[in-house]
Amino acid sequence: MAETKYEITYIIRPDIDEAGKAALVERFDNILKDNGANIIDSKDWQKRKFAYVINKYTEGTYHIVNATASDDKAINEFDRLAKISADILRQMIIKREA
């Protein structure tokens, strides 16, 4: 089965400390790996102000993950857990062209 490329962008709340942010990123990277995805890269993009208030925050740290997966099990699990995480304000998953 062919590998599908994904770009995952999520916004981390701005008041989390560096150790907490590192643990959060590691946790969500491991969720992808444990469910069969291969992470190409996982990095912070930048801290940006929002156009509108999200959960009482006016800014957040954007984090980008590029990954490949043969099925959508890893992506679905990431999405499910990101939606219920208090540390992730928003997430977006894009299927990339080969």
Protein backbone atom coordinates (compact mmCIF):
# COMPACT_ATOMS: atom_id res chain seq x y z
CA MET A 1 0.00 0.00 0.00
CA ALA A 2 1.31 3.45 -0.89
CA GLU A 3 2.37 5.90 1.79
CA THR A 4 0.32 9.10 2.03
CA LYS A 5 2.01 12.35 3.04
CA TYR A 6 0.37 14.51 5.70
CA GLU A 7 1.08 17.96 7.09
CA ILE A 8 -0.24 18.47 10.61
CA THR A 9 -0.34 21.94 12.11
CA TYR A 10 -1.43 22.53 15.66
CA ILE A 11 -1.44 25.54 17.96
CA ILE A 12 -0.05 25.14 21.48
CA ARG A 13 -1.36 27.44 24.21
CA PRO A 14 1.14 30.25 24.91
CA ASP A 15 1.34 29.98 28.70
CA ILE A 16 2.79 26.45 28.75
CA ASP A 17 6.42 26.27 29.93
CA GLU A 18 9.21 24.92 27.69
CA ALA A 19 9.39 21.55 29.48
CA GLY A 20 5.64 21.12 29.21
CA LYS A 21 5.68 22.05 25.53
CA ALA A 22 8.51 19.60 24.82
CA ALA A 23 6.59 16.83 26.62
CA LEU A 24 3.42 17.66 24.68
CA VAL A 25 5.22 17.59 21.31
CA GLU A 26 6.94 14.31 22.22
CA ARG A 27 3.62 12.78 23.34
CA PHE A 28 1.86 13.66 20.09
CA ASP A 29 4.84 12.60 17.95
CA ASN A 30 4.76 9.23 19.75
CA ILE A 31 1.01 8.90 19.14
CA LEU A 32 1.73 9.12 15.42
CA LYS A 33 4.70 6.71 15.57
CA ASP A 34 2.92 4.16 17.76
CA ASN A 35 0.04 3.99 15.29
CA GLY A 36 2.22 3.37 12.23
CA ALA A 37 3.14 6.82 10.89
CA ASN A 38 6.69 7.87 9.99
CA ILE A 39 7.59 11.40 11.07
CA ILE A 40 9.69 13.29 8.53
CA ASP A 41 10.07 16.39 10.69
CA SER A 42 8.43 17.98 13.71
CA LYS A 43 9.26 21.59 14.53
CA ASP A 44 7.93 24.83 15.95
CA TRP A 45 7.03 27.34 13.31
CA GLN A 46 6.56 30.52 15.33
CA LYS A 47 4.49 32.25 17.99
CA ARG A 48 1.76 34.30 16.32
CA LYS A 49 -1.12 36.56 17.30
CA PHE A 50 -4.59 35.32 16.38
CA ALA A 51 -7.13 37.21 14.31
CA TYR A 52 -9.67 36.45 17.05
CA VAL A 53 -9.63 35.10 20.61
CA ILE A 54 -9.42 31.30 20.96
CA ASN A 55 -10.22 29.91 24.43
CA LYS A 56 -9.33 33.29 26.01
CA TYR A 57 -5.89 33.37 24.28
CA THR A 58 -4.80 35.99 21.74
CA GLU A 59 -1.63 34.17 20.59
CA GLY A 60 -0.16 30.69 20.40
CA THR A 61 2.83 28.65 19.22
CA TYR A 62 2.32 26.97 15.87
CA HIS A 63 3.91 23.51 15.53
CA ILE A 64 4.19 21.67 12.20
CA VAL A 65 4.63 17.91 11.69
CA ASN A 66 5.26 16.32 8.29
CA ALA A 67 4.54 12.59 8.30
CA THR A 68 3.76 9.65 6.07
CA ALA A 69 1.33 6.82 6.80
CA SER A 70 0.04 3.81 4.89
CA ASP A 71 -3.43 4.13 6.44
CA ASP A 72 -5.31 6.79 8.40
CA LYS A 73 -5.21 5.05 11.80
CA ALA A 74 -2.39 7.27 13.16
CA ILE A 75 -3.94 10.45 11.78
CA ASN A 76 -7.37 9.66 13.22
CA GLU A 77 -5.90 8.89 16.65
CA PHE A 78 -3.85 12.11 16.62
CA ASP A 79 -6.92 14.12 15.65
CA ARG A 80 -9.08 12.49 18.33
CA LEU A 81 -6.58 13.12 21.13
CA ALA A 82 -5.69 16.65 19.96
CA LYS A 83 -9.36 17.64 20.11
CA ILE A 84 -9.60 16.72 23.80
CA SER A 85 -6.18 18.11 24.85
CA ALA A 86 -6.39 21.35 26.83
CA ASP A 87 -2.89 22.32 25.64
CA ILE A 88 -3.76 22.28 21.92
CA LEU A 89 -6.03 25.14 20.90
CA ARG A 90 -6.57 24.14 17.25
CA GLN A 91 -5.28 21.52 14.82
CA MET A 92 -5.41 21.03 11.08
CA ILE A 93 -4.43 17.96 9.08
CA ILE A 94 -3.77 18.21 5.35
CA LYS A 95 -3.20 15.34 2.96
CA ARG A 96 -0.33 16.41 0.67
CA GLU A 97 0.12 15.58 -2.98
CA ALA A 98 2.90 13.10 -3.77
